[in-house]
Amino acid sequence: MLKVYTARAILSRMYHASKYKVDIPESSVTDYIFRRVGNHGHKVALIDGINDRGFTFDQLHEEVRHVTNSLGSLGLKHGDVACLCGTNVPEFAHVFCSVTSLGAALTIANSQLTPGEILQQVKDTNSHLLFTTEDCAEKALQVQKSSNNQIKNVIVFGSSTNCISFEDLKKEGPEVDLPVIEPESDVALIPFSSGTTGLPKGVQLTHRNIVAELAALSHPLFLPFNNDDSSLSALPMVHIAGLVIGMLNPLSQGATVVTLPRFQPEAFLSSLQKHRVSFSLIAPPVVNFLASDPLVDKFDLSHWTTPYSGAASLGAELTMKMVTRLNLKGIRQGYGMSEASPATHTTPLDGWKYGSIGVPLPNTECKIMDIESRRDLGVDQQGEIMVRGPQIMKGYLNNPAATRETFTDDGWMRTGDIGYFDKDGHYFVVDRLKEIIKYKGYQISPVYLESILLSHQSVEDAAVVGIPHGVDGHLPTAFVVCNNKTPESTLADFVNSKVAPYKQLRGGVHIVKEIPRLPSGKILRRKLV
């Protein structure tokens, strides 16, 4: 039967599907990354930002082959899982490519986790190898000792007692037979969801999921890299954004990646300047630092054309502060989650809107659904952001119930984020569905109140939570990091003068030394309540 749509219906539907399309090769993710290595083999692929140690693409390709053979000789095979936990080093690229070439999957664990938390992830994924860095080696050995012989070997970048040195794996050895990778079904990466709204869950991302993501990001209007471009990776690469967007995306396009173990202000600025970096993935706290810290003025950042913010919401006012100070065209912003490999939206190069997460990536569909009625919503109507596309996960590991709860019957994935799209098809995130503060029946966005606090010259960081208060529900309460001795009451008055009465900080303002956050930048609100 022929369907007839009104003009308004077509307008509301036209933003559901990206107008951009890219081909998705039927390839393993490692083959995709090295598909054009013949064109740029002599170019530098990786640089350690601490000691300037580097590898060309030809060297990387050859060393990945050696490491793959060594891991195969250690018994890693198709269907197995290896765990990576540590601070950034260039060899994370070797590990990812070698593990997945064998048909095994890599699970990535935050280096700040306790030994018990890492052990739980190791058990959940049935990991048999554990890769780590020198600063995390003692923790890794504790995990191995507690694993009842499940972890056969701990492999360290550098050297540490009772660990295999990763350098030994780079040596040429006997060739192993490689399996045929089934991109649609073979799992390549198992990040864990943050657990801020529930228990941590393993996210199964297939080779096709990640190849689809990399292909979409390489579209000329999204995150393309040219021959002279380079990327600085300081966001943890044991977080999916740091790994896929910070490392794999530039490598897959032949760009140089400079790595730092973690974000440290002077090392970050020095690396940007020294290596004339054009792209870097940064979290909102780093944006705030770049917008206000006097240290920034000591460095030449004129070549840094593509600051890119992800992992947490970035408000328009904070964006403007950094753009104005560094004389930028703008800061690109992305949106996504571990379950989406990770990006679903990005600011396109032909359309900048401050405060927006951009438009759906190529091949990606998005819509807004009413929280209660579950009906589709139109322009400027707030509801839950729903996404669908080839980069969306296979499902949660060993958790079919959670998978069913996350997907609708027709394949749309619930993000748990509240947002809307405007008349131009740009999307905006308002807040987390489960983080909305309810006061006397009113819904209050903590992100909105945080953006006001961050506009005050004394505030370096801020988080707003709801504190239980009897029949009133929850009182909006702020925790702030200040750069001077501004009274708490002054900050409360500053916010309260700018918002409706029901949005006022009735729980007050509390000065703290730091805001608890994940390495990605997401606020751990549960630690403040």
Foldseek 3Di string as FASTA:
>chain_A
DDDDDDPQRCLQAVQQADPFAFDQDQDFLLCLLCVVCVVFQQAWAEAALVPRDTDGNVLLVLLLQLLLQLVVVVPQAAAAEAEEEEFDDRCVVSVLSSNVQRNYAYEFDYNPDALVVVLVVCVLRLHQEYEYEPVSVVSVVVSCVPNVNSHVFYEYDPDDPRHHDVVVSSDHDDGDDHDDFRQVPRFHYWYWFPQLPHRIFTFTFGSSLLSVVLRLCCPPFHPNDDQLAEEEQAQGCSFLCSVRVRRSNCSSRPHYYYYYRHDDPVSVLVSCQVSVHQEYEDEQLVLLCLLAPPVNVVHDNLSNQEYEYEDDFDAQLSFVSNCVVNVYPTYKYFYAGVQQSGTQAIATNVDDDGQFNHGGTHQKGKFFAAAPPRHTDGAPDKHWIKIAGSNGTPATRPCVPVRPVQADPVGIGTPQWIWGAHSVSTIHTQAGNVQFFQFQNDTEGQVVLQVQLSSDSFFSGKTWGFPQDPPRGTATEMETETPDCDDQVVSQCSSCVPDDVRHGRPVTYHYDNDFDDDSSHHGSVVVVD
